[in-house]
């Protein structure tokens, strides 16, 4: 059973991550929740999906149905509440984190990590640049934000240790070794440039002419007595 942990993130750090990694704009529209399941529509780039969330023995299960962009936009207009956010994926070493930069209904920055097992989730120690954990606070769920608005703003202090920790993560990715070309793919050395067939034939002809001239000059030299 997968487990998700959610943390607040300082807006300045989230902006730095987005600048370095880019992101994908996502719009989600949520419909009123039913007694046993909920539905929302998502538009990410040109890809639209209708998402049905229902209980499952191993947790909540999402069933996605692909729809066109026009269909997704039409459903978004009918939704009871919407959010618009920028999603940024970030490799933090042993895990892949997702930074969610909310644009609408207002500014908010969250970072989430999905763990395959509950034990791994419990063992995870957030790095210094993570903000307070809000996993158990329902006000920070995307559905709640879309239908009820943003929770009360929280002040997140950015320390030197937090900034340096994040810069190390971003710098490690930039310093990853680049693949080197194989010997066969390397450019030929410039000491003896290759000749095309026509030039090679002309080069051979000149060598022959030089040889003939040298032989003729030796033949014309006076013979010693």
Protein backbone atom coordinates (compact mmCIF):
# COMPACT_ATOMS: atom_id res chain seq x y z
CA UNK A 1 0.00 0.00 0.00
CA UNK A 2 1.48 3.35 -1.05
CA UNK A 3 1.75 6.25 1.39
CA UNK A 4 2.09 9.94 0.60
CA UNK A 5 3.72 12.50 2.86
CA UNK A 6 3.11 16.21 2.30
CA UNK A 7 5.26 19.13 3.45
CA UNK A 8 5.05 22.88 3.16
CA UNK A 9 7.79 24.56 1.12
CA UNK A 10 9.06 28.13 1.30
CA UNK A 11 7.98 30.03 -1.82
CA UNK A 12 11.53 31.30 -2.46
CA UNK A 13 12.88 27.72 -2.52
CA UNK A 14 9.98 26.51 -4.68
CA UNK A 15 10.69 29.31 -7.14
CA UNK A 16 14.36 28.33 -7.27
CA UNK A 17 13.44 24.70 -7.97
CA UNK A 18 11.02 25.70 -10.74
CA UNK A 19 13.63 27.93 -12.35
CA UNK A 20 16.18 25.10 -12.38
CA UNK A 21 13.86 22.21 -13.32
CA UNK A 22 10.95 23.75 -15.22
CA UNK A 23 7.49 22.30 -14.71
CA UNK A 24 4.10 21.42 -16.16
CA UNK A 25 0.95 23.49 -15.81
CA UNK A 26 -2.00 21.48 -14.46
CA UNK A 27 -5.67 22.40 -14.03
CA UNK A 28 -8.03 20.29 -11.94
CA UNK A 29 -11.76 20.66 -11.43
CA UNK A 30 -13.51 18.87 -8.56
CA UNK A 31 -17.15 17.79 -8.40
CA UNK A 32 -19.10 17.34 -5.17
CA UNK A 33 -18.02 14.21 -3.34
CA UNK A 34 -20.35 11.21 -3.37
CA UNK A 35 -21.01 8.81 -0.47
CA UNK A 36 -18.33 6.34 -1.59
CA UNK A 37 -16.34 7.98 -4.35
CA UNK A 38 -15.25 11.31 -5.81
CA UNK A 39 -14.66 12.61 -9.30
CA UNK A 40 -12.45 15.28 -10.77
CA UNK A 41 -11.19 16.31 -14.20
CA UNK A 42 -7.55 17.07 -14.96
CA UNK A 43 -5.92 18.91 -17.85
CA UNK A 44 -2.14 18.66 -18.10
CA UNK A 45 -0.70 20.12 -21.29
CA UNK A 46 -2.83 18.65 -24.07
CA UNK A 47 -3.77 15.54 -22.06
CA UNK A 48 -7.17 15.45 -20.39
CA UNK A 49 -8.41 12.83 -17.92
CA UNK A 50 -11.57 12.15 -15.98
CA UNK A 51 -10.53 10.65 -12.65
CA UNK A 52 -12.75 8.48 -10.46
CA UNK A 53 -11.44 7.91 -6.92
CA UNK A 54 -12.98 5.07 -4.92
CA UNK A 55 -12.07 2.97 -1.88
CA UNK A 56 -9.93 -0.15 -2.36
CA UNK A 57 -8.64 -2.77 0.11
CA UNK A 58 -5.14 -1.35 -0.31
CA UNK A 59 -6.24 2.29 -0.15
CA UNK A 60 -7.91 4.79 -2.43
CA UNK A 61 -7.84 3.74 -6.08
CA UNK A 62 -7.79 6.15 -9.04
CA UNK A 63 -9.40 5.12 -12.32
CA UNK A 64 -8.35 7.42 -15.18
CA UNK A 65 -10.23 7.82 -18.47
CA UNK A 66 -8.56 9.79 -21.25
CA UNK A 67 -10.64 12.61 -22.74
CA UNK A 68 -9.90 15.34 -25.27
CA UNK A 69 -8.71 18.80 -24.33
CA UNK A 70 -12.06 20.31 -25.38
CA UNK A 71 -13.96 17.83 -23.20
CA UNK A 72 -11.67 18.54 -20.25
CA UNK A 73 -12.12 22.31 -20.63
CA UNK A 74 -15.91 21.90 -20.80
CA UNK A 75 -15.93 19.80 -17.62
CA UNK A 76 -13.66 22.28 -15.84
CA UNK A 77 -16.30 24.97 -16.39
CA UNK A 78 -18.92 22.74 -14.72
CA UNK A 79 -16.75 21.80 -11.71
CA UNK A 80 -17.69 23.01 -8.24
CA UNK A 81 -14.13 24.16 -7.59
CA UNK A 82 -10.85 24.42 -9.47
CA UNK A 83 -7.13 24.66 -8.83
CA UNK A 84 -4.33 25.66 -11.17
CA UNK A 85 -0.78 24.70 -10.28
CA UNK A 86 2.69 24.14 -11.63
CA UNK A 87 4.04 20.63 -11.02
CA UNK A 88 7.82 20.18 -10.81
CA UNK A 89 9.54 16.81 -10.45
CA UNK A 90 12.75 16.71 -8.41
CA UNK A 91 15.14 13.84 -7.72
CA UNK A 92 16.25 14.13 -4.09
CA UNK A 93 18.48 11.07 -4.08
CA UNK A 94 16.62 8.03 -2.86
CA UNK A 95 13.18 9.39 -3.82
CA UNK A 96 11.40 11.47 -6.45
CA UNK A 97 9.58 14.45 -4.98
CA UNK A 98 6.84 16.53 -6.59
CA UNK A 99 6.71 20.26 -5.97
CA UNK A 100 3.21 21.75 -6.36
CA UNK A 101 3.18 25.51 -6.90
CA UNK A 102 -0.45 26.59 -6.60
CA UNK A 103 -1.44 29.55 -8.76
CA UNK A 104 -5.21 29.48 -8.19
CA UNK A 105 -7.14 29.96 -5.92
CA UNK A 106 -3.97 31.53 -4.50
CA UNK A 107 -0.27 31.06 -3.91
CA UNK A 108 0.80 27.98 -1.97
CA UNK A 109 3.83 25.69 -2.29
CA UNK A 110 3.78 22.05 -1.25
CA UNK A 111 6.17 19.15 -1.77
CA UNK A 112 4.98 15.54 -1.75
CA UNK A 113 6.67 12.14 -1.84
CA UNK A 114 4.87 8.88 -2.61
CA UNK A 115 6.29 5.78 -0.90
CA UNK A 116 5.56 2.25 -2.03
CA UNK A 117 5.42 0.98 1.54
CA UNK A 118 4.31 2.51 4.83
CA UNK A 119 7.57 1.46 6.49
CA UNK A 120 9.62 3.48 3.99
CA UNK A 121 7.39 6.49 4.61
CA UNK A 122 7.94 6.29 8.37
CA UNK A 123 11.71 5.97 7.99
CA UNK A 124 12.03 8.98 5.67
CA UNK A 125 13.83 11.92 7.24
CA UNK A 126 12.97 15.17 5.42
CA UNK A 127 15.97 17.31 4.42
CA UNK A 128 16.61 20.67 6.01
CA UNK A 129 14.94 22.64 3.21
CA UNK A 130 11.54 20.97 3.70
CA UNK A 131 8.96 22.95 5.65
CA UNK A 132 6.56 21.63 8.29
CA UNK A 133 4.69 18.40 7.52
CA UNK A 134 0.95 18.75 6.78
CA UNK A 135 0.18 15.16 5.74
CA UNK A 136 -2.54 14.73 8.36
CA UNK A 137 -4.14 18.15 7.79
CA UNK A 138 -7.13 17.73 5.40
CA UNK A 139 -7.09 21.46 4.61
CA UNK A 140 -4.00 20.90 2.44
CA UNK A 141 -5.58 18.25 0.24
CA UNK A 142 -6.03 19.46 -3.32
CA UNK A 143 -9.79 18.75 -3.28
CA UNK A 144 -10.21 20.81 -0.10
CA UNK A 145 -8.22 23.71 -1.58
CA UNK A 146 -10.36 23.65 -4.75
CA UNK A 147 -13.69 23.57 -2.89
CA UNK A 148 -12.95 25.56 0.28
CA UNK A 149 -9.97 27.75 -0.65
CA UNK A 150 -6.49 28.05 0.80
CA UNK A 151 -5.75 27.25 4.43
CA UNK A 152 -4.36 29.92 6.71
CA UNK A 153 -0.93 31.04 5.48
CA UNK A 154 2.07 29.73 7.38
CA UNK A 155 5.40 31.49 7.82
CA UNK A 156 8.28 29.23 6.78
CA UNK A 157 11.76 30.28 7.81
CA UNK A 158 14.54 29.75 5.27
CA UNK A 159 17.86 29.13 7.02
CA UNK A 160 21.34 29.02 5.53
CA UNK A 161 21.42 25.27 6.18
CA UNK A 162 18.15 24.80 4.26
CA UNK A 163 19.38 26.83 1.29
CA UNK A 164 22.74 25.05 1.12
CA UNK A 165 21.02 21.67 1.38
CA UNK A 166 18.78 22.46 -1.59
CA UNK A 167 21.67 23.88 -3.62
CA UNK A 168 23.55 20.62 -3.05
CA UNK A 169 20.58 18.67 -4.48
CA UNK A 170 20.36 20.93 -7.53
CA UNK A 171 24.15 20.97 -7.98
CA UNK A 172 24.49 17.18 -7.80
CA UNK A 173 22.18 16.84 -10.78
CA UNK A 174 24.12 19.44 -12.75
CA UNK A 175 27.41 17.66 -12.04
CA UNK A 176 26.24 14.25 -13.26
CA UNK A 177 28.89 12.84 -15.64
CA UNK A 178 28.07 13.20 -19.28
CA UNK A 179 28.49 10.19 -21.60
CA UNK A 180 31.77 10.18 -23.51
CA UNK A 181 31.84 9.23 -27.18
CA UNK A 182 33.19 5.79 -27.99
CA UNK A 183 36.57 5.56 -29.75
CA UNK A 184 34.80 4.72 -32.99
CA UNK A 185 32.62 7.83 -32.72
CA UNK A 186 35.48 10.25 -32.07
CA UNK A 187 36.57 12.57 -34.82
CA UNK A 188 39.69 11.51 -36.76
CA UNK A 189 42.89 13.18 -35.65
CA UNK A 190 43.89 16.20 -37.69
CA UNK A 191 47.51 15.18 -38.31
CA UNK A 192 46.73 13.59 -41.69
CA UNK A 193 43.40 14.69 -43.12
CA UNK A 194 41.66 12.15 -45.31
CA UNK A 195 41.68 12.79 -49.08
CA UNK A 196 38.80 12.24 -51.43
CA UNK A 197 39.44 9.68 -54.27
CA UNK A 198 40.10 12.34 -56.92
CA UNK A 199 42.64 14.19 -54.79
CA UNK A 200 44.33 10.91 -53.86
CA UNK A 201 44.77 9.99 -57.53
CA UNK A 202 46.28 13.43 -58.28
CA UNK A 203 48.63 13.04 -55.30
CA UNK A 204 49.84 9.66 -56.66
CA UNK A 205 50.36 11.14 -60.15
CA UNK A 206 52.54 13.93 -58.78
CA UNK A 207 54.63 11.42 -56.84
CA UNK A 208 55.22 9.41 -60.02
CA UNK A 209 56.24 12.52 -61.97
CA UNK A 210 58.70 13.52 -59.25
CA UNK A 211 60.25 10.04 -59.33
CA UNK A 212 60.69 10.18 -63.12
CA UNK A 213 62.34 13.62 -62.95
CA UNK A 214 64.78 12.46 -60.26
CA UNK A 215 65.73 9.38 -62.34
CA UNK A 216 66.25 11.53 -65.44
CA UNK A 217 68.48 13.99 -63.57
CA UNK A 218 70.70 11.16 -62.32
CA UNK A 219 70.98 9.78 -65.83
CA UNK A 220 72.19 13.14 -67.23
CA UNK A 221 74.91 13.56 -64.66
CA UNK A 222 78.45 12.98 -66.12
CA UNK A 223 79.86 9.59 -65.25
CA UNK A 224 83.10 9.55 -63.31
CA UNK A 225 86.14 8.05 -65.01
